[in-house]
PDB file of N, CA and C in Angstrom:
ATOM      1  N   UNK A   1     233.210 142.450 208.601  1.00  0.00           N
ATOM      2  CA  UNK A   1     234.112 142.474 208.561  1.00  0.00           C
ATOM      3  C   UNK A   1     235.405 143.759 208.176  1.00  0.00           C
ATOM      4  N   UNK A   2     236.113 143.653 209.168  1.00  0.00           N
ATOM      5  CA  UNK A   2     237.903 144.390 208.771  1.00  0.00           C
ATOM      6  C   UNK A   2     238.649 143.695 209.030  1.00  0.00           C
ATOM      7  N   UNK A   3     239.773 144.371 208.181  1.00  0.00           N
ATOM      8  CA  UNK A   3     240.975 143.534 207.734  1.00  0.00           C
ATOM      9  C   UNK A   3     241.026 143.869 206.140  1.00  0.00           C
ATOM     10  N   UNK A   4     242.129 142.802 206.122  1.00  0.00           N
ATOM     11  CA  UNK A   4     242.333 143.239 204.168  1.00  0.00           C
ATOM     12  C   UNK A   4     241.540 142.601 202.886  1.00  0.00           C
ATOM     13  N   UNK A   5     240.932 142.008 202.172  1.00  0.00           N
ATOM     14  CA  UNK A   5     240.436 141.183 201.520  1.00  0.00           C
ATOM     15  C   UNK A   5     240.713 139.672 201.499  1.00  0.00           C
ATOM     16  N   UNK A   6     241.544 140.257 201.557  1.00  0.00           N
ATOM     17  CA  UNK A   6     241.528 138.012 201.943  1.00  0.00           C
ATOM     18  C   UNK A   6     241.395 137.646 203.159  1.00  0.00           C
ATOM     19  N   UNK A   7     241.224 138.459 204.447  1.00  0.00           N
ATOM     20  CA  UNK A   7     240.669 138.404 205.663  1.00  0.00           C
ATOM     21  C   UNK A   7     239.308 138.004 205.134  1.00  0.00           C
ATOM     22  N   UNK A   8     238.831 138.811 205.212  1.00  0.00           N
ATOM     23  CA  UNK A   8     236.960 139.128 204.798  1.00  0.00           C
ATOM     24  C   UNK A   8     237.103 137.560 204.148  1.00  0.00           C
ATOM     25  N   UNK A   9     237.539 137.749 203.352  1.00  0.00           N
ATOM     26  CA  UNK A   9     237.246 136.385 202.474  1.00  0.00           C
ATOM     27  C   UNK A   9     236.704 135.161 203.734  1.00  0.00           C
ATOM     28  N   UNK A  10     238.440 134.166 203.366  1.00  0.00           N
ATOM     29  CA  UNK A  10     238.730 134.162 204.733  1.00  0.00           C
ATOM     30  C   UNK A  10     237.545 134.061 205.905  1.00  0.00           C
ATOM     31  N   UNK A  11     237.167 134.954 206.585  1.00  0.00           N
ATOM     32  CA  UNK A  11     236.019 135.246 207.817  1.00  0.00           C
ATOM     33  C   UNK A  11     234.669 134.105 206.996  1.00  0.00           C
ATOM     34  N   UNK A  12     234.401 135.439 205.376  1.00  0.00           N
ATOM     35  CA  UNK A  12     233.326 134.481 205.138  1.00  0.00           C
ATOM     36  C   UNK A  12     233.254 133.279 204.733  1.00  0.00           C
ATOM     37  N   UNK A  13     233.576 132.864 204.582  1.00  0.00           N
ATOM     38  CA  UNK A  13     234.227 131.782 204.336  1.00  0.00           C
ATOM     39  C   UNK A  13     233.464 130.454 205.748  1.00  0.00           C
ATOM     40  N   UNK A  14     234.664 131.493 206.417  1.00  0.00           N
ATOM     41  CA  UNK A  14     233.519 130.084 207.606  1.00  0.00           C
ATOM     42  C   UNK A  14     232.701 130.794 208.670  1.00  0.00           C
ATOM     43  N   UNK A  15     232.113 131.462 208.623  1.00  0.00           N
ATOM     44  CA  UNK A  15     231.189 131.367 208.775  1.00  0.00           C
ATOM     45  C   UNK A  15     229.447 131.523 208.069  1.00  0.00           C
ATOM     46  N   UNK A  16     230.273 131.329 207.271  1.00  0.00           N
ATOM     47  CA  UNK A  16     229.370 130.798 205.759  1.00  0.00           C
ATOM     48  C   UNK A  16     228.667 129.474 205.722  1.00  0.00           C
ATOM     49  N   UNK A  17     229.234 127.988 206.833  1.00  0.00           N
ATOM     50  CA  UNK A  17     228.894 127.019 207.026  1.00  0.00           C
ATOM     51  C   UNK A  17     228.246 127.241 208.481  1.00  0.00           C
ATOM     52  N   UNK A  18     227.772 128.663 209.487  1.00  0.00           N
ATOM     53  CA  UNK A  18     226.814 128.499 209.728  1.00  0.00           C
ATOM     54  C   UNK A  18     225.690 129.184 210.201  1.00  0.00           C
ATOM     55  N   UNK A  19     225.544 130.213 209.049  1.00  0.00           N
ATOM     56  CA  UNK A  19     224.916 131.894 209.560  1.00  0.00           C
ATOM     57  C   UNK A  19     225.054 132.403 207.584  1.00  0.00           C
ATOM     58  N   UNK A  20     223.779 132.924 207.240  1.00  0.00           N
ATOM     59  CA  UNK A  20     223.732 133.781 206.118  1.00  0.00           C
ATOM     60  C   UNK A  20     225.006 135.680 206.620  1.00  0.00           C
ATOM     61  N   UNK A  21     226.476 135.016 205.436  1.00  0.00           N
ATOM     62  CA  UNK A  21     226.751 136.719 205.391  1.00  0.00           C
ATOM     63  C   UNK A  21     226.342 137.813 204.510  1.00  0.00           C
ATOM     64  N   UNK A  22     226.141 138.547 205.032  1.00  0.00           N
ATOM     65  CA  UNK A  22     226.433 139.953 204.630  1.00  0.00           C
ATOM     66  C   UNK A  22     227.700 140.878 204.453  1.00  0.00           C
ATOM     67  N   UNK A  23     227.978 141.281 203.949  1.00  0.00           N
ATOM     68  CA  UNK A  23     228.991 142.107 203.497  1.00  0.00           C
ATOM     69  C   UNK A  23     229.038 143.367 202.622  1.00  0.00           C
ATOM     70  N   UNK A  24     229.300 144.663 203.325  1.00  0.00           N
ATOM     71  CA  UNK A  24     228.857 145.669 202.683  1.00  0.00           C
ATOM     72  C   UNK A  24     229.377 146.801 203.353  1.00  0.00           C
ATOM     73  N   UNK A  25     229.183 147.967 203.216  1.00  0.00           N
ATOM     74  CA  UNK A  25     230.620 149.261 203.948  1.00  0.00           C
ATOM     75  C   UNK A  25     229.913 149.058 205.014  1.00  0.00           C
ATOM     76  N   UNK A  26     230.156 150.180 205.633  1.00  0.00           N
ATOM     77  CA  UNK A  26     230.024 150.663 206.579  1.00  0.00           C
ATOM     78  C   UNK A  26     229.106 151.169 206.521  1.00  0.00           C
ATOM     79  N   UNK A  27     228.214 152.671 205.344  1.00  0.00           N
ATOM     80  CA  UNK A  27     227.415 152.590 205.348  1.00  0.00           C
ATOM     81  C   UNK A  27     226.649 152.544 204.185  1.00  0.00           C
ATOM     82  N   UNK A  28     226.458 151.161 204.749  1.00  0.00           N
ATOM     83  CA  UNK A  28     225.812 149.803 203.425  1.00  0.00           C
ATOM     84  C   UNK A  28     224.089 150.549 203.787  1.00  0.00           C
ATOM     85  N   UNK A  29     223.503 149.724 202.541  1.00  0.00           N
ATOM     86  CA  UNK A  29     221.801 149.809 202.832  1.00  0.00           C
ATOM     87  C   UNK A  29     221.464 149.324 204.357  1.00  0.00           C
ATOM     88  N   UNK A  30     221.995 148.438 204.153  1.00  0.00           N
ATOM     89  CA  UNK A  30     221.513 146.753 205.659  1.00  0.00           C
ATOM     90  C   UNK A  30     222.065 147.830 206.674  1.00  0.00           C
ATOM     91  N   UNK A  31     222.737 147.800 206.610  1.00  0.00           N
ATOM     92  CA  UNK A  31     223.358 148.650 207.623  1.00  0.00           C
ATOM     93  C   UNK A  31     223.071 149.961 207.908  1.00  0.00           C
ATOM     94  N   UNK A  32     222.303 150.722 207.374  1.00  0.00           N
ATOM     95  CA  UNK A  32     221.511 151.648 207.252  1.00  0.00           C
ATOM     96  C   UNK A  32     219.541 151.532 208.020  1.00  0.00           C
ATOM     97  N   UNK A  33     219.029 150.503 207.738  1.00  0.00           N
ATOM     98  CA  UNK A  33     218.007 149.667 207.464  1.00  0.00           C
ATOM     99  C   UNK A  33     218.039 149.242 208.912  1.00  0.00           C
ATOM    100  N   UNK A  34     218.727 148.815 209.641  1.00  0.00           N
ATOM    101  CA  UNK A  34     218.761 148.571 210.655  1.00  0.00           C
ATOM    102  C   UNK A  34     219.125 148.732 211.333  1.00  0.00           C
ATOM    103  N   UNK A  35     219.701 150.687 211.258  1.00  0.00           N
ATOM    104  CA  UNK A  35     220.411 151.150 212.198  1.00  0.00           C
ATOM    105  C   UNK A  35     222.124 150.119 212.754  1.00  0.00           C
ATOM    106  N   UNK A  36     222.881 150.015 212.700  1.00  0.00           N
ATOM    107  CA  UNK A  36     223.609 148.827 212.694  1.00  0.00           C
ATOM    108  C   UNK A  36     225.022 150.365 213.657  1.00  0.00           C
ATOM    109  N   UNK A  37     225.072 149.951 214.016  1.00  0.00           N
ATOM    110  CA  UNK A  37     225.909 151.244 215.242  1.00  0.00           C
ATOM    111  C   UNK A  37     228.322 150.701 214.994  1.00  0.00           C
ATOM    112  N   UNK A  38     228.311 148.991 215.531  1.00  0.00           N
ATOM    113  CA  UNK A  38     229.248 149.109 215.232  1.00  0.00           C
ATOM    114  C   UNK A  38     229.552 147.861 214.030  1.00  0.00           C
ATOM    115  N   UNK A  39     230.277 147.447 213.811  1.00  0.00           N
ATOM    116  CA  UNK A  39     230.592 145.610 213.245  1.00  0.00           C
ATOM    117  C   UNK A  39     231.649 144.676 214.341  1.00  0.00           C
ATOM    118  N   UNK A  40     231.814 143.329 213.612  1.00  0.00           N
ATOM    119  CA  UNK A  40     230.797 142.955 213.457  1.00  0.00           C
ATOM    120  C   UNK A  40     229.633 142.970 214.217  1.00  0.00           C
ATOM    121  N   UNK A  41     228.593 143.088 213.738  1.00  0.00           N
ATOM    122  CA  UNK A  41     226.716 142.642 213.923  1.00  0.00           C
ATOM    123  C   UNK A  41     226.810 141.306 213.969  1.00  0.00           C
ATOM    124  N   UNK A  42     226.573 140.698 214.830  1.00  0.00           N
ATOM    125  CA  UNK A  42     225.520 139.128 214.605  1.00  0.00           C
ATOM    126  C   UNK A  42     223.153 139.479 214.821  1.00  0.00           C
ATOM    127  N   UNK A  43     222.696 139.128 214.058  1.00  0.00           N
ATOM    128  CA  UNK A  43     221.607 139.380 214.553  1.00  0.00           C
ATOM    129  C   UNK A  43     220.890 137.890 214.321  1.00  0.00           C
ATOM    130  N   UNK A  44     219.824 137.319 215.532  1.00  0.00           N
ATOM    131  CA  UNK A  44     218.750 136.640 215.016  1.00  0.00           C
ATOM    132  C   UNK A  44     217.340 137.021 214.448  1.00  0.00           C
ATOM    133  N   UNK A  45     216.900 136.158 213.413  1.00  0.00           N
ATOM    134  CA  UNK A  45     216.062 136.500 212.482  1.00  0.00           C
ATOM    135  C   UNK A  45     215.202 135.706 211.913  1.00  0.00           C
ATOM    136  N   UNK A  46     213.577 135.596 212.318  1.00  0.00           N
ATOM    137  CA  UNK A  46     212.631 134.251 212.763  1.00  0.00           C
ATOM    138  C   UNK A  46     211.765 134.785 212.097  1.00  0.00           C
ATOM    139  N   UNK A  47     211.925 132.817 211.709  1.00  0.00           N
ATOM    140  CA  UNK A  47     210.997 132.169 210.182  1.00  0.00           C
ATOM    141  C   UNK A  47     210.029 132.923 208.984  1.00  0.00           C
ATOM    142  N   UNK A  48     209.711 134.226 210.198  1.00  0.00           N
ATOM    143  CA  UNK A  48     209.163 135.726 209.201  1.00  0.00           C
ATOM    144  C   UNK A  48     209.636 135.927 208.747  1.00  0.00           C
ATOM    145  N   UNK A  49     211.128 136.345 209.462  1.00  0.00           N
ATOM    146  CA  UNK A  49     212.244 137.674 208.518  1.00  0.00           C
ATOM    147  C   UNK A  49     212.003 138.417 209.763  1.00  0.00           C
ATOM    148  N   UNK A  50     211.360 138.699 210.819  1.00  0.00           N
ATOM    149  CA  UNK A  50     211.494 139.590 211.905  1.00  0.00           C
ATOM    150  C   UNK A  50     212.690 138.926 212.574  1.00  0.00           C
ATOM    151  N   UNK A  51     214.143 140.757 212.792  1.00  0.00           N
ATOM    152  CA  UNK A  51     215.066 141.169 213.417  1.00  0.00           C
ATOM    153  C   UNK A  51     214.355 140.695 215.020  1.00  0.00           C
ATOM    154  N   UNK A  52     215.076 139.181 215.460  1.00  0.00           N
ATOM    155  CA  UNK A  52     214.099 139.529 217.104  1.00  0.00           C
ATOM    156  C   UNK A  52     215.416 139.569 217.966  1.00  0.00           C
ATOM    157  N   UNK A  53     217.157 140.357 217.386  1.00  0.00           N
ATOM    158  CA  UNK A  53     217.968 140.542 218.354  1.00  0.00           C
ATOM    159  C   UNK A  53     218.949 140.403 218.104  1.00  0.00           C
ATOM    160  N   UNK A  54     220.370 141.879 218.383  1.00  0.00           N
ATOM    161  CA  UNK A  54     220.983 142.324 217.930  1.00  0.00           C
ATOM    162  C   UNK A  54     222.368 142.073 218.861  1.00  0.00           C
ATOM    163  N   UNK A  55     223.385 141.549 217.801  1.00  0.00           N
ATOM    164  CA  UNK A  55     224.567 141.677 219.269  1.00  0.00           C
ATOM    165  C   UNK A  55     225.797 141.894 218.398  1.00  0.00           C
ATOM    166  N   UNK A  56     227.473 142.474 219.344  1.00  0.00           N
ATOM    167  CA  UNK A  56     228.196 142.566 218.924  1.00  0.00           C
ATOM    168  C   UNK A  56     228.918 140.700 218.913  1.00  0.00           C
ATOM    169  N   UNK A  57     228.481 140.574 220.441  1.00  0.00           N
ATOM    170  CA  UNK A  57     229.252 138.987 220.186  1.00  0.00           C
ATOM    171  C   UNK A  57     227.829 138.396 220.355  1.00  0.00           C
ATOM    172  N   UNK A  58     228.344 137.112 219.331  1.00  0.00           N
ATOM    173  CA  UNK A  58     227.227 136.167 219.122  1.00  0.00           C
ATOM    174  C   UNK A  58     227.095 135.760 220.158  1.00  0.00           C
ATOM    175  N   UNK A  59     227.859 135.406 220.752  1.00  0.00           N
ATOM    176  CA  UNK A  59     227.287 134.354 222.454  1.00  0.00           C
ATOM    177  C   UNK A  59     226.445 134.822 222.783  1.00  0.00           C
ATOM    178  N   UNK A  60     226.619 136.553 222.485  1.00  0.00           N
ATOM    179  CA  UNK A  60     224.910 136.816 223.011  1.00  0.00           C
ATOM    180  C   UNK A  60     223.730 136.927 223.351  1.00  0.00           C
ATOM    181  N   UNK A  61     224.122 136.725 221.873  1.00  0.00           N
ATOM    182  CA  UNK A  61     222.169 135.865 221.502  1.00  0.00           C
ATOM    183  C   UNK A  61     222.020 134.976 222.108  1.00  0.00           C
ATOM    184  N   UNK A  62     219.892 134.810 221.855  1.00  0.00           N
ATOM    185  CA  UNK A  62     219.639 134.454 222.154  1.00  0.00           C
ATOM    186  C   UNK A  62     219.645 132.877 221.733  1.00  0.00           C
ATOM    187  N   UNK A  63     220.693 131.250 222.048  1.00  0.00           N
ATOM    188  CA  UNK A  63     219.956 130.264 221.187  1.00  0.00           C
ATOM    189  C   UNK A  63     219.149 130.371 220.330  1.00  0.00           C
ATOM    190  N   UNK A  64     218.529 129.919 219.332  1.00  0.00           N
ATOM    191  CA  UNK A  64     218.706 129.660 218.011  1.00  0.00           C
ATOM    192  C   UNK A  64     217.391 128.571 218.625  1.00  0.00           C
ATOM    193  N   UNK A  65     216.502 128.271 217.699  1.00  0.00           N
ATOM    194  CA  UNK A  65     215.666 127.431 217.608  1.00  0.00           C
ATOM    195  C   UNK A  65     215.804 127.212 216.716  1.00  0.00           C
ATOM    196  N   UNK A  66     215.089 125.313 216.077  1.00  0.00           N
ATOM    197  CA  UNK A  66     214.148 124.974 215.238  1.00  0.00           C
ATOM    198  C   UNK A  66     213.035 125.754 214.602  1.00  0.00           C
ATOM    199  N   UNK A  67     212.216 126.094 213.489  1.00  0.00           N
ATOM    200  CA  UNK A  67     210.981 126.543 213.195  1.00  0.00           C
ATOM    201  C   UNK A  67     210.099 125.999 212.377  1.00  0.00           C
ATOM    202  N   UNK A  68     208.775 125.593 213.526  1.00  0.00           N
ATOM    203  CA  UNK A  68     208.509 124.978 212.863  1.00  0.00           C
ATOM    204  C   UNK A  68     206.915 125.184 211.415  1.00  0.00           C
ATOM    205  N   UNK A  69     207.770 124.692 210.905  1.00  0.00           N
ATOM    206  CA  UNK A  69     206.132 125.103 209.296  1.00  0.00           C
ATOM    207  C   UNK A  69     204.720 123.979 209.155  1.00  0.00           C
TER     208      UNK A  69
END
Protein backbone atom coordinates (compact mmCIF):
# COMPACT_ATOMS: atom_id res chain seq x y z
CA UNK A 1 0.00 0.00 0.00
CA UNK A 2 1.23 3.45 -0.75
CA UNK A 3 0.43 6.66 1.06
CA UNK A 4 0.53 7.88 4.61
CA UNK A 5 0.37 5.55 7.59
CA UNK A 6 -3.24 6.64 8.16
CA UNK A 7 -4.18 5.88 4.52
CA UNK A 8 -2.55 2.47 4.80
CA UNK A 9 -4.45 1.72 8.04
CA UNK A 10 -7.74 2.68 6.35
CA UNK A 11 -7.00 0.49 3.33
CA UNK A 12 -5.99 -2.46 5.51
CA UNK A 13 -9.16 -2.08 7.61
CA UNK A 14 -11.36 -2.09 4.50
CA UNK A 15 -9.58 -5.05 2.86
CA UNK A 16 -9.35 -7.09 6.06
CA UNK A 17 -13.08 -7.71 5.92
CA UNK A 18 -12.62 -9.86 2.80
CA UNK A 19 -8.94 -10.81 2.66
CA UNK A 20 -5.85 -11.60 4.67
CA UNK A 21 -3.77 -8.43 4.34
CA UNK A 22 0.01 -8.38 4.70
CA UNK A 23 1.81 -5.07 5.10
CA UNK A 24 5.58 -5.00 4.78
CA UNK A 25 8.28 -2.82 3.20
CA UNK A 26 8.94 -3.17 -0.53
CA UNK A 27 11.92 -5.42 0.13
CA UNK A 28 10.17 -7.51 2.79
CA UNK A 29 10.53 -11.28 3.08
CA UNK A 30 7.10 -12.14 1.66
CA UNK A 31 7.62 -9.97 -1.42
CA UNK A 32 11.03 -11.51 -1.99
CA UNK A 33 9.74 -15.06 -1.47
CA UNK A 34 7.05 -14.59 -4.13
CA UNK A 35 9.27 -12.41 -6.39
CA UNK A 36 6.76 -9.55 -6.29
CA UNK A 37 7.68 -6.78 -8.74
CA UNK A 38 4.99 -4.18 -7.98
CA UNK A 39 2.48 -3.09 -5.38
CA UNK A 40 -0.24 -3.58 -4.44
CA UNK A 41 -0.34 -7.18 -5.55
CA UNK A 42 -3.22 -9.55 -4.96
CA UNK A 43 -2.96 -13.32 -4.82
CA UNK A 44 -5.25 -16.30 -4.78
CA UNK A 45 -4.06 -19.03 -2.44
CA UNK A 46 -5.50 -22.54 -2.57
CA UNK A 47 -6.62 -24.46 0.50
CA UNK A 48 -3.29 -26.33 0.55
CA UNK A 49 -1.39 -23.03 0.63
CA UNK A 50 -0.32 -22.92 -3.02
CA UNK A 51 -0.21 -19.50 -4.64
CA UNK A 52 -2.31 -20.15 -7.75
CA UNK A 53 -2.62 -16.67 -9.29
CA UNK A 54 -1.41 -13.09 -8.81
CA UNK A 55 -2.43 -9.76 -10.30
CA UNK A 56 -2.05 -6.05 -9.68
CA UNK A 57 -5.82 -5.71 -10.21
CA UNK A 58 -7.94 -8.07 -8.06
CA UNK A 59 -10.57 -8.12 -10.80
CA UNK A 60 -8.11 -10.03 -12.99
CA UNK A 61 -7.88 -12.96 -10.55
CA UNK A 62 -10.01 -16.03 -11.21
CA UNK A 63 -13.10 -16.24 -9.06
CA UNK A 64 -12.32 -18.11 -5.84
CA UNK A 65 -14.38 -21.14 -4.95
CA UNK A 66 -15.22 -22.56 -1.56
CA UNK A 67 -12.78 -25.14 -0.31
CA UNK A 68 -14.00 -28.65 0.26
CA UNK A 69 -12.64 -30.21 3.40
